């Protein structure tokens, strides 16, 4: 059964995004996290770069959530969801979603397509995509040297 890409339905973007129940920060002892006001349970990140990004956010006491929402992007003819997009982080104080990709630049076409579709369907969503080089430069500012060779996500 082939998927049919539907035109942007009027009622679809009004549906609430699906919420995932996941914890947040796995870094540092619980006592130190409580002092900083970070009392959430540990989680498993999909990639080591995400964990390093979270450490930097924690150091600067930026409140964040890991994969808190999923946005439907395409629907089957029967109305069920065919494709979704789940950004890696949500920075609540900045009202900003952050997506990290460690793939080589020539392999990120699918992710760019999903980002464009997300912006079309949900124009009020503020989202930023960090590519491999952006992420390496950002983490290098904080003394984090991340080897991304052979790793893709």
C-alpha atoms as a PDB file:
ATOM      1  CA  UNK A   1       0.000   0.000   0.000  1.00  0.00           C
ATOM      2  CA  UNK A   2       1.595   3.237  -1.174  1.00  0.00           C
ATOM      3  CA  UNK A   3       1.476   6.304   1.023  1.00  0.00           C
ATOM      4  CA  UNK A   4      -0.365   9.268  -0.374  1.00  0.00           C
ATOM      5  CA  UNK A   5       0.938  12.655   0.608  1.00  0.00           C
ATOM      6  CA  UNK A   6      -2.054  14.755   1.453  1.00  0.00           C
ATOM      7  CA  UNK A   7      -2.324  18.448   0.928  1.00  0.00           C
ATOM      8  CA  UNK A   8      -2.050  20.449   4.103  1.00  0.00           C
ATOM      9  CA  UNK A   9      -5.372  19.656   5.753  1.00  0.00           C
ATOM     10  CA  UNK A  10      -6.996  22.487   7.618  1.00  0.00           C
ATOM     11  CA  UNK A  11      -7.633  20.479  10.758  1.00  0.00           C
ATOM     12  CA  UNK A  12      -4.323  18.575  10.886  1.00  0.00           C
ATOM     13  CA  UNK A  13      -2.016  21.336  12.228  1.00  0.00           C
ATOM     14  CA  UNK A  14      -4.592  22.129  14.895  1.00  0.00           C
ATOM     15  CA  UNK A  15      -4.179  18.639  16.358  1.00  0.00           C
ATOM     16  CA  UNK A  16      -1.980  18.717  19.442  1.00  0.00           C
ATOM     17  CA  UNK A  17       1.479  17.305  18.951  1.00  0.00           C
ATOM     18  CA  UNK A  18       2.080  13.942  20.546  1.00  0.00           C
ATOM     19  CA  UNK A  19       3.894  14.209  23.855  1.00  0.00           C
ATOM     20  CA  UNK A  20       6.547  11.726  24.858  1.00  0.00           C
ATOM     21  CA  UNK A  21       7.055  11.031  28.513  1.00  0.00           C
ATOM     22  CA  UNK A  22      10.812  11.036  28.972  1.00  0.00           C
ATOM     23  CA  UNK A  23      13.061  12.353  31.667  1.00  0.00           C
ATOM     24  CA  UNK A  24      15.714  14.930  31.170  1.00  0.00           C
ATOM     25  CA  UNK A  25      19.222  15.275  32.504  1.00  0.00           C
ATOM     26  CA  UNK A  26      21.422  12.293  33.313  1.00  0.00           C
ATOM     27  CA  UNK A  27      24.507  14.377  34.149  1.00  0.00           C
ATOM     28  CA  UNK A  28      25.961  14.873  37.579  1.00  0.00           C
ATOM     29  CA  UNK A  29      24.955  13.565  40.995  1.00  0.00           C
ATOM     30  CA  UNK A  30      21.377  14.065  42.098  1.00  0.00           C
ATOM     31  CA  UNK A  31      22.451  16.391  44.935  1.00  0.00           C
ATOM     32  CA  UNK A  32      24.179  18.788  42.518  1.00  0.00           C
ATOM     33  CA  UNK A  33      21.209  18.676  40.115  1.00  0.00           C
ATOM     34  CA  UNK A  34      18.806  19.502  42.959  1.00  0.00           C
ATOM     35  CA  UNK A  35      20.921  22.520  43.989  1.00  0.00           C
ATOM     36  CA  UNK A  36      20.693  23.831  40.437  1.00  0.00           C
ATOM     37  CA  UNK A  37      16.943  23.187  40.366  1.00  0.00           C
ATOM     38  CA  UNK A  38      17.368  20.294  37.921  1.00  0.00           C
ATOM     39  CA  UNK A  39      15.514  17.433  39.585  1.00  0.00           C
ATOM     40  CA  UNK A  40      14.470  15.334  36.632  1.00  0.00           C
ATOM     41  CA  UNK A  41      15.202  11.625  36.219  1.00  0.00           C
ATOM     42  CA  UNK A  42      18.022  10.315  33.982  1.00  0.00           C
ATOM     43  CA  UNK A  43      17.468   9.534  30.306  1.00  0.00           C
ATOM     44  CA  UNK A  44      19.291   7.834  27.463  1.00  0.00           C
ATOM     45  CA  UNK A  45      20.244  10.054  24.551  1.00  0.00           C
ATOM     46  CA  UNK A  46      20.172   8.830  20.972  1.00  0.00           C
ATOM     47  CA  UNK A  47      23.722  10.074  20.315  1.00  0.00           C
ATOM     48  CA  UNK A  48      26.738  11.121  22.436  1.00  0.00           C
ATOM     49  CA  UNK A  49      26.617  14.593  20.854  1.00  0.00           C
ATOM     50  CA  UNK A  50      23.186  15.123  22.407  1.00  0.00           C
ATOM     51  CA  UNK A  51      24.558  14.288  25.853  1.00  0.00           C
ATOM     52  CA  UNK A  52      27.411  16.782  25.413  1.00  0.00           C
ATOM     53  CA  UNK A  53      24.979  19.451  24.215  1.00  0.00           C
ATOM     54  CA  UNK A  54      22.838  18.811  27.307  1.00  0.00           C
ATOM     55  CA  UNK A  55      25.888  19.181  29.576  1.00  0.00           C
ATOM     56  CA  UNK A  56      26.599  22.622  28.142  1.00  0.00           C
ATOM     57  CA  UNK A  57      22.969  23.650  28.609  1.00  0.00           C
ATOM     58  CA  UNK A  58      23.064  22.411  32.201  1.00  0.00           C
ATOM     59  CA  UNK A  59      26.306  24.257  32.913  1.00  0.00           C
ATOM     60  CA  UNK A  60      24.623  27.518  31.916  1.00  0.00           C
ATOM     61  CA  UNK A  61      21.409  26.490  33.714  1.00  0.00           C
ATOM     62  CA  UNK A  62      19.325  26.614  30.552  1.00  0.00           C
ATOM     63  CA  UNK A  63      16.158  24.622  31.157  1.00  0.00           C
ATOM     64  CA  UNK A  64      15.560  22.028  28.474  1.00  0.00           C
ATOM     65  CA  UNK A  65      13.499  18.983  27.626  1.00  0.00           C
ATOM     66  CA  UNK A  66      14.629  16.038  25.542  1.00  0.00           C
ATOM     67  CA  UNK A  67      12.307  15.096  22.667  1.00  0.00           C
ATOM     68  CA  UNK A  68       9.165  16.450  24.382  1.00  0.00           C
ATOM     69  CA  UNK A  69       6.923  16.666  21.295  1.00  0.00           C
ATOM     70  CA  UNK A  70       6.410  14.954  17.984  1.00  0.00           C
ATOM     71  CA  UNK A  71       4.905  16.848  15.085  1.00  0.00           C
ATOM     72  CA  UNK A  72       2.831  14.994  12.470  1.00  0.00           C
ATOM     73  CA  UNK A  73       4.053  15.880   8.968  1.00  0.00           C
ATOM     74  CA  UNK A  74       2.098  13.560   6.668  1.00  0.00           C
ATOM     75  CA  UNK A  75      -1.137  11.638   6.959  1.00  0.00           C
ATOM     76  CA  UNK A  76      -2.562   8.497   5.362  1.00  0.00           C
ATOM     77  CA  UNK A  77      -5.882   8.867   3.487  1.00  0.00           C
ATOM     78  CA  UNK A  78      -7.667   7.406   6.530  1.00  0.00           C
ATOM     79  CA  UNK A  79      -6.332  10.280   8.685  1.00  0.00           C
ATOM     80  CA  UNK A  80      -3.716   8.286  10.596  1.00  0.00           C
ATOM     81  CA  UNK A  81      -0.211   9.729  10.861  1.00  0.00           C
ATOM     82  CA  UNK A  82       2.226   8.600   8.155  1.00  0.00           C
ATOM     83  CA  UNK A  83       5.325  10.656   9.082  1.00  0.00           C
ATOM     84  CA  UNK A  84       6.372  12.579  12.168  1.00  0.00           C
ATOM     85  CA  UNK A  85       9.262  14.755  13.262  1.00  0.00           C
ATOM     86  CA  UNK A  86      10.600  14.893  16.832  1.00  0.00           C
ATOM     87  CA  UNK A  87      13.147  17.647  17.541  1.00  0.00           C
ATOM     88  CA  UNK A  88      15.926  16.678  19.949  1.00  0.00           C
ATOM     89  CA  UNK A  89      15.587  19.506  22.487  1.00  0.00           C
ATOM     90  CA  UNK A  90      13.129  22.153  23.584  1.00  0.00           C
ATOM     91  CA  UNK A  91      14.535  25.186  25.399  1.00  0.00           C
ATOM     92  CA  UNK A  92      11.479  26.459  27.251  1.00  0.00           C
ATOM     93  CA  UNK A  93      12.923  29.811  28.337  1.00  0.00           C
ATOM     94  CA  UNK A  94      13.723  30.652  24.717  1.00  0.00           C
ATOM     95  CA  UNK A  95      10.674  28.910  23.230  1.00  0.00           C
ATOM     96  CA  UNK A  96      13.082  27.200  20.831  1.00  0.00           C
ATOM     97  CA  UNK A  97      13.313  23.653  19.489  1.00  0.00           C
ATOM     98  CA  UNK A  98      16.784  22.399  18.583  1.00  0.00           C
ATOM     99  CA  UNK A  99      17.547  19.534  16.224  1.00  0.00           C
ATOM    100  CA  UNK A 100      21.093  18.143  16.084  1.00  0.00           C
ATOM    101  CA  UNK A 101      22.447  16.175  13.160  1.00  0.00           C
ATOM    102  CA  UNK A 102      25.862  14.572  13.066  1.00  0.00           C
ATOM    103  CA  UNK A 103      25.506  13.256   9.533  1.00  0.00           C
ATOM    104  CA  UNK A 104      27.839  14.517   6.859  1.00  0.00           C
ATOM    105  CA  UNK A 105      26.478  17.545   5.039  1.00  0.00           C
ATOM    106  CA  UNK A 106      25.760  15.620   1.836  1.00  0.00           C
ATOM    107  CA  UNK A 107      23.558  13.129   3.743  1.00  0.00           C
ATOM    108  CA  UNK A 108      21.152  15.519   5.478  1.00  0.00           C
ATOM    109  CA  UNK A 109      18.699  15.957   2.584  1.00  0.00           C
ATOM    110  CA  UNK A 110      15.890  14.023   4.311  1.00  0.00           C
ATOM    111  CA  UNK A 111      16.286  15.985   7.535  1.00  0.00           C
ATOM    112  CA  UNK A 112      16.233  19.291   5.627  1.00  0.00           C
ATOM    113  CA  UNK A 113      13.061  18.180   3.833  1.00  0.00           C
ATOM    114  CA  UNK A 114      11.393  17.382   7.173  1.00  0.00           C
ATOM    115  CA  UNK A 115      12.452  20.752   8.585  1.00  0.00           C
ATOM    116  CA  UNK A 116      10.954  22.602   5.596  1.00  0.00           C
ATOM    117  CA  UNK A 117       7.716  20.654   5.924  1.00  0.00           C
ATOM    118  CA  UNK A 118       7.577  21.349   9.673  1.00  0.00           C
ATOM    119  CA  UNK A 119       7.978  25.083   9.053  1.00  0.00           C
ATOM    120  CA  UNK A 120       5.221  24.996   6.402  1.00  0.00           C
ATOM    121  CA  UNK A 121       2.732  23.151   8.604  1.00  0.00           C
ATOM    122  CA  UNK A 122       3.644  24.837  11.906  1.00  0.00           C
ATOM    123  CA  UNK A 123       4.856  28.369  11.072  1.00  0.00           C
ATOM    124  CA  UNK A 124       4.687  29.459  14.729  1.00  0.00           C
ATOM    125  CA  UNK A 125       7.221  26.821  15.826  1.00  0.00           C
ATOM    126  CA  UNK A 126      10.677  28.274  16.419  1.00  0.00           C
ATOM    127  CA  UNK A 127      13.260  25.623  15.479  1.00  0.00           C
ATOM    128  CA  UNK A 128      17.005  25.628  14.769  1.00  0.00           C
ATOM    129  CA  UNK A 129      18.976  22.871  13.066  1.00  0.00           C
ATOM    130  CA  UNK A 130      22.608  22.376  14.123  1.00  0.00           C
ATOM    131  CA  UNK A 131      24.636  20.590  11.463  1.00  0.00           C
ATOM    132  CA  UNK A 132      27.730  18.518  12.216  1.00  0.00           C
ATOM    133  CA  UNK A 133      30.178  21.430  11.828  1.00  0.00           C
ATOM    134  CA  UNK A 134      27.938  23.824  13.788  1.00  0.00           C
ATOM    135  CA  UNK A 135      27.770  21.324  16.628  1.00  0.00           C
ATOM    136  CA  UNK A 136      31.527  20.687  16.646  1.00  0.00           C
ATOM    137  CA  UNK A 137      32.264  24.454  16.705  1.00  0.00           C
ATOM    138  CA  UNK A 138      29.685  25.066  19.437  1.00  0.00           C
ATOM    139  CA  UNK A 139      31.013  22.285  21.680  1.00  0.00           C
ATOM    140  CA  UNK A 140      34.642  23.278  20.991  1.00  0.00           C
ATOM    141  CA  UNK A 141      33.921  26.671  22.591  1.00  0.00           C
ATOM    142  CA  UNK A 142      33.385  24.778  25.831  1.00  0.00           C
ATOM    143  CA  UNK A 143      36.408  22.528  25.485  1.00  0.00           C
ATOM    144  CA  UNK A 144      34.448  19.511  24.286  1.00  0.00           C
ATOM    145  CA  UNK A 145      36.187  17.629  21.492  1.00  0.00           C
ATOM    146  CA  UNK A 146      33.674  15.271  19.970  1.00  0.00           C
ATOM    147  CA  UNK A 147      34.822  12.703  17.445  1.00  0.00           C
ATOM    148  CA  UNK A 148      31.928  12.100  15.079  1.00  0.00           C
ATOM    149  CA  UNK A 149      33.726   9.902  12.538  1.00  0.00           C
ATOM    150  CA  UNK A 150      31.735   6.838  11.633  1.00  0.00           C
ATOM    151  CA  UNK A 151      28.745   7.949  13.684  1.00  0.00           C
ATOM    152  CA  UNK A 152      25.524   9.050  12.073  1.00  0.00           C
ATOM    153  CA  UNK A 153      22.114   9.920  13.296  1.00  0.00           C
END
